[in-house]
C-alpha atoms as a PDB file:
ATOM      1  CA  LEU A   1     -14.684  14.671  23.827  1.00  0.00           C
ATOM      2  CA  ASN A   2     -12.159  11.544  24.120  1.00  0.00           C
ATOM      3  CA  PHE A   3      -9.531  11.515  26.206  1.00  0.00           C
ATOM      4  CA  THR A   4      -6.883   8.494  27.046  1.00  0.00           C
ATOM      5  CA  THR A   5      -4.154   8.108  29.902  1.00  0.00           C
ATOM      6  CA  SER A   6      -1.736   5.588  30.693  1.00  0.00           C
ATOM      7  CA  SER A   7      -3.068   5.809  34.439  1.00  0.00           C
ATOM      8  CA  LEU A   8      -4.600   2.881  36.074  1.00  0.00           C
ATOM      9  CA  ASP A   9      -6.572   4.829  38.256  1.00  0.00           C
ATOM     10  CA  PRO A  10      -9.900   6.691  37.054  1.00  0.00           C
ATOM     11  CA  ILE A  11      -9.098  10.484  36.570  1.00  0.00           C
ATOM     12  CA  ALA A  12     -12.085  13.055  36.827  1.00  0.00           C
ATOM     13  CA  ILE A  13     -12.390  16.059  34.516  1.00  0.00           C
ATOM     14  CA  LYS A  14     -14.538  19.145  34.872  1.00  0.00           C
ATOM     15  CA  VAL A  15     -15.376  20.805  31.882  1.00  0.00           C
ATOM     16  CA  GLN A  16     -17.468  23.818  32.095  1.00  0.00           C
ATOM     17  CA  ILE A  17     -18.623  25.534  28.884  1.00  0.00           C
ATOM     18  CA  LEU A  18     -19.570  29.496  29.197  1.00  0.00           C
ATOM     19  CA  GLU A  19     -21.494  30.986  26.326  1.00  0.00           C
ATOM     20  CA  HIS A  20     -21.437  34.570  25.942  1.00  0.00           C
ATOM     21  CA  GLY A  21     -24.079  36.461  23.725  1.00  0.00           C
ATOM     22  CA  SER A  22     -22.962  37.924  20.402  1.00  0.00           C
ATOM     23  CA  ILE A  23     -22.315  41.332  21.914  1.00  0.00           C
ATOM     24  CA  TYR A  24     -19.566  39.672  24.086  1.00  0.00           C
ATOM     25  CA  ARG A  25     -17.019  39.838  21.134  1.00  0.00           C
ATOM     26  CA  TYR A  26     -17.320  43.664  21.278  1.00  0.00           C
ATOM     27  CA  LYS A  27     -16.155  43.743  24.768  1.00  0.00           C
ATOM     28  CA  GLU A  28     -12.427  45.383  23.472  1.00  0.00           C
ATOM     29  CA  LEU A  29     -14.514  47.914  21.749  1.00  0.00           C
ATOM     30  CA  PHE A  30     -16.297  48.787  24.956  1.00  0.00           C
ATOM     31  CA  GLY A  31     -12.974  49.117  26.412  1.00  0.00           C
ATOM     32  CA  ALA A  32     -11.642  51.400  24.144  1.00  0.00           C
ATOM     33  CA  LEU A  33     -14.679  53.571  24.472  1.00  0.00           C
ATOM     34  CA  VAL A  34     -14.616  53.821  28.023  1.00  0.00           C
ATOM     35  CA  LEU A  35     -10.856  54.509  28.088  1.00  0.00           C
ATOM     36  CA  GLY A  36     -11.623  57.016  25.220  1.00  0.00           C
ATOM     37  CA  GLY A  37     -14.364  58.622  27.534  1.00  0.00           C
ATOM     38  CA  MET A  38     -12.057  58.582  30.584  1.00  0.00           C
ATOM     39  CA  TYR A  39      -9.361  60.760  28.201  1.00  0.00           C
ATOM     40  CA  ILE A  40     -11.996  63.266  27.113  1.00  0.00           C
ATOM     41  CA  LEU A  41     -13.036  63.918  30.523  1.00  0.00           C
ATOM     42  CA  ILE A  42      -9.484  64.478  31.710  1.00  0.00           C
ATOM     43  CA  ILE A  43      -8.445  66.388  28.882  1.00  0.00           C
ATOM     44  CA  PHE A  44     -11.419  68.799  28.870  1.00  0.00           C
ATOM     45  CA  GLU A  45     -11.376  69.048  32.603  1.00  0.00           C
ATOM     46  CA  ILE A  46     -14.890  68.218  32.876  1.00  0.00           C
ATOM     47  CA  ILE A  47     -14.530  66.584  36.201  1.00  0.00           C
ATOM     48  CA  ASP A  48     -11.687  66.259  38.271  1.00  0.00           C
ATOM     49  CA  ARG A  49      -9.059  63.313  37.261  1.00  0.00           C
ATOM     50  CA  THR A  50      -9.149  61.335  40.265  1.00  0.00           C
ATOM     51  CA  VAL A  51     -12.919  61.456  39.965  1.00  0.00           C
ATOM     52  CA  SER A  52     -12.542  60.446  36.158  1.00  0.00           C
ATOM     53  CA  ALA A  53     -10.425  57.445  37.014  1.00  0.00           C
ATOM     54  CA  ILE A  54     -12.859  56.495  39.543  1.00  0.00           C
ATOM     55  CA  VAL A  55     -15.763  56.910  37.372  1.00  0.00           C
ATOM     56  CA  GLY A  56     -14.135  55.023  34.590  1.00  0.00           C
ATOM     57  CA  SER A  57     -12.890  52.158  36.939  1.00  0.00           C
ATOM     58  CA  PHE A  58     -16.504  51.696  37.670  1.00  0.00           C
ATOM     59  CA  ILE A  59     -17.925  51.942  34.209  1.00  0.00           C
ATOM     60  CA  ALA A  60     -15.410  49.340  33.159  1.00  0.00           C
ATOM     61  CA  LEU A  61     -16.547  46.838  35.663  1.00  0.00           C
ATOM     62  CA  ALA A  62     -20.391  47.532  34.895  1.00  0.00           C
ATOM     63  CA  VAL A  63     -19.533  47.001  31.281  1.00  0.00           C
ATOM     64  CA  LEU A  64     -17.850  43.473  32.423  1.00  0.00           C
ATOM     65  CA  SER A  65     -20.741  42.987  34.738  1.00  0.00           C
ATOM     66  CA  ALA A  66     -23.179  43.496  31.751  1.00  0.00           C
ATOM     67  CA  LEU A  67     -21.334  41.330  29.098  1.00  0.00           C
ATOM     68  CA  GLY A  68     -21.779  38.378  31.920  1.00  0.00           C
ATOM     69  CA  ASP A  69     -17.802  38.415  32.908  1.00  0.00           C
ATOM     70  CA  ARG A  70     -18.029  40.073  36.421  1.00  0.00           C
ATOM     71  CA  PRO A  71     -14.956  39.397  38.498  1.00  0.00           C
ATOM     72  CA  SER A  72     -15.215  38.736  42.094  1.00  0.00           C
ATOM     73  CA  LEU A  73     -13.742  41.096  44.547  1.00  0.00           C
ATOM     74  CA  GLU A  74     -10.726  39.142  45.157  1.00  0.00           C
ATOM     75  CA  LEU A  75      -9.674  38.984  41.704  1.00  0.00           C
ATOM     76  CA  ILE A  76     -10.165  42.908  41.214  1.00  0.00           C
ATOM     77  CA  VAL A  77      -8.085  43.618  44.310  1.00  0.00           C
ATOM     78  CA  SER A  78      -5.462  40.993  42.834  1.00  0.00           C
ATOM     79  CA  TRP A  79      -4.944  43.334  39.907  1.00  0.00           C
ATOM     80  CA  ILE A  80      -3.619  46.434  41.997  1.00  0.00           C
ATOM     81  CA  GLU A  81      -0.120  46.954  41.917  1.00  0.00           C
ATOM     82  CA  TYR A  82       0.981  47.950  45.650  1.00  0.00           C
ATOM     83  CA  ASN A  83       4.481  48.577  44.663  1.00  0.00           C
ATOM     84  CA  THR A  84       3.540  50.871  41.935  1.00  0.00           C
ATOM     85  CA  LEU A  85       0.947  52.558  44.107  1.00  0.00           C
ATOM     86  CA  ALA A  86       3.675  53.245  46.801  1.00  0.00           C
ATOM     87  CA  LEU A  87       6.007  54.554  43.887  1.00  0.00           C
ATOM     88  CA  LEU A  88       3.930  57.234  42.743  1.00  0.00           C
ATOM     89  CA  PHE A  89       2.810  58.197  46.690  1.00  0.00           C
ATOM     90  CA  GLY A  90       6.621  58.855  47.252  1.00  0.00           C
ATOM     91  CA  MET A  91       7.368  60.383  44.471  1.00  0.00           C
ATOM     92  CA  MET A  92       4.338  62.909  44.846  1.00  0.00           C
ATOM     93  CA  ILE A  93       5.739  63.357  48.384  1.00  0.00           C
ATOM     94  CA  ILE A  94       8.672  64.579  46.608  1.00  0.00           C
ATOM     95  CA  VAL A  95       7.627  66.411  44.024  1.00  0.00           C
ATOM     96  CA  GLY A  96       5.234  68.261  46.678  1.00  0.00           C
ATOM     97  CA  VAL A  97       8.065  68.843  49.470  1.00  0.00           C
ATOM     98  CA  SER A  98      10.405  69.778  45.882  1.00  0.00           C
ATOM     99  CA  SER A  99       7.766  72.466  44.853  1.00  0.00           C
ATOM    100  CA  ASN A 100       7.194  74.071  48.041  1.00  0.00           C
ATOM    101  CA  THR A 101      10.935  74.590  48.296  1.00  0.00           C
ATOM    102  CA  GLY A 102      11.222  76.173  44.908  1.00  0.00           C
ATOM    103  CA  PHE A 103      13.222  73.402  43.279  1.00  0.00           C
ATOM    104  CA  PHE A 104      11.585  73.283  39.889  1.00  0.00           C
ATOM    105  CA  GLU A 105      11.901  77.041  39.673  1.00  0.00           C
ATOM    106  CA  TRP A 106      15.644  76.703  40.687  1.00  0.00           C
ATOM    107  CA  ILE A 107      16.269  73.968  37.902  1.00  0.00           C
ATOM    108  CA  ALA A 108      14.328  75.982  35.012  1.00  0.00           C
ATOM    109  CA  LEU A 109      16.481  79.161  35.619  1.00  0.00           C
ATOM    110  CA  LYS A 110      19.594  77.057  35.515  1.00  0.00           C
ATOM    111  CA  ALA A 111      18.443  75.727  32.308  1.00  0.00           C
ATOM    112  CA  TYR A 112      17.372  79.116  31.137  1.00  0.00           C
ATOM    113  CA  GLU A 113      20.883  80.453  32.081  1.00  0.00           C
ATOM    114  CA  MET A 114      22.776  77.659  30.596  1.00  0.00           C
ATOM    115  CA  SER A 115      20.844  78.153  27.322  1.00  0.00           C
ATOM    116  CA  LYS A 116      21.701  81.765  27.092  1.00  0.00           C
ATOM    117  CA  GLY A 117      18.217  82.887  25.904  1.00  0.00           C
ATOM    118  CA  ASN A 118      18.546  80.174  22.767  1.00  0.00           C
ATOM    119  CA  ILE A 119      15.263  78.264  22.592  1.00  0.00           C
ATOM    120  CA  TRP A 120      16.657  75.015  20.759  1.00  0.00           C
ATOM    121  CA  ARG A 121      19.464  74.684  23.279  1.00  0.00           C
ATOM    122  CA  LEU A 122      16.890  74.894  26.530  1.00  0.00           C
ATOM    123  CA  VAL A 123      14.785  72.372  24.434  1.00  0.00           C
ATOM    124  CA  LEU A 124      17.930  70.116  24.443  1.00  0.00           C
ATOM    125  CA  ILE A 125      19.094  71.027  27.829  1.00  0.00           C
ATOM    126  CA  LEU A 126      15.537  70.349  29.380  1.00  0.00           C
ATOM    127  CA  SER A 127      15.076  66.939  27.163  1.00  0.00           C
ATOM    128  CA  ILE A 128      18.682  65.729  28.746  1.00  0.00           C
ATOM    129  CA  PHE A 129      17.239  66.413  32.094  1.00  0.00           C
ATOM    130  CA  THR A 130      14.271  64.690  31.812  1.00  0.00           C
ATOM    131  CA  GLY A 131      16.067  61.716  30.139  1.00  0.00           C
ATOM    132  CA  VAL A 132      18.212  61.704  32.907  1.00  0.00           C
ATOM    133  CA  VAL A 133      15.556  61.880  35.682  1.00  0.00           C
ATOM    134  CA  SER A 134      13.331  59.416  33.643  1.00  0.00           C
ATOM    135  CA  GLY A 135      16.253  56.823  33.512  1.00  0.00           C
ATOM    136  CA  VAL A 136      16.348  56.876  37.425  1.00  0.00           C
ATOM    137  CA  LEU A 137      12.745  56.464  37.171  1.00  0.00           C
ATOM    138  CA  ASP A 138      12.323  53.830  35.397  1.00  0.00           C
ATOM    139  CA  ARG A 139       9.864  51.902  37.269  1.00  0.00           C
ATOM    140  CA  VAL A 140       6.906  54.195  36.581  1.00  0.00           C
END
């Protein structure tokens, strides 16, 4: 390596070369396999969704460690989006309270009344409602 500079003071440069094994180039494939395994566990309800997410994250960290690219705890914690978690937690509370009060049943009944029994009108009404609600809650 040859570096040139116009500075009169000496400059220190640290170069670190990381050599990974030949299996490291398949890291995306391993990630896709872990994600696919999680989806299989969730879709077929083999284990609870929450447990599946936790197991999947531990397996992903184990694969990273096995490949020699183990992240530090500080880096893992920096990956957490606390604003998104707070938003989802708040939405879960709102949905829980709304479902206990019968709000969703009332919305379904009103949508059915507006459609007058026509299935395509009902699909259109529910799609519009979902679009409007998704437009308001676009941060998720």
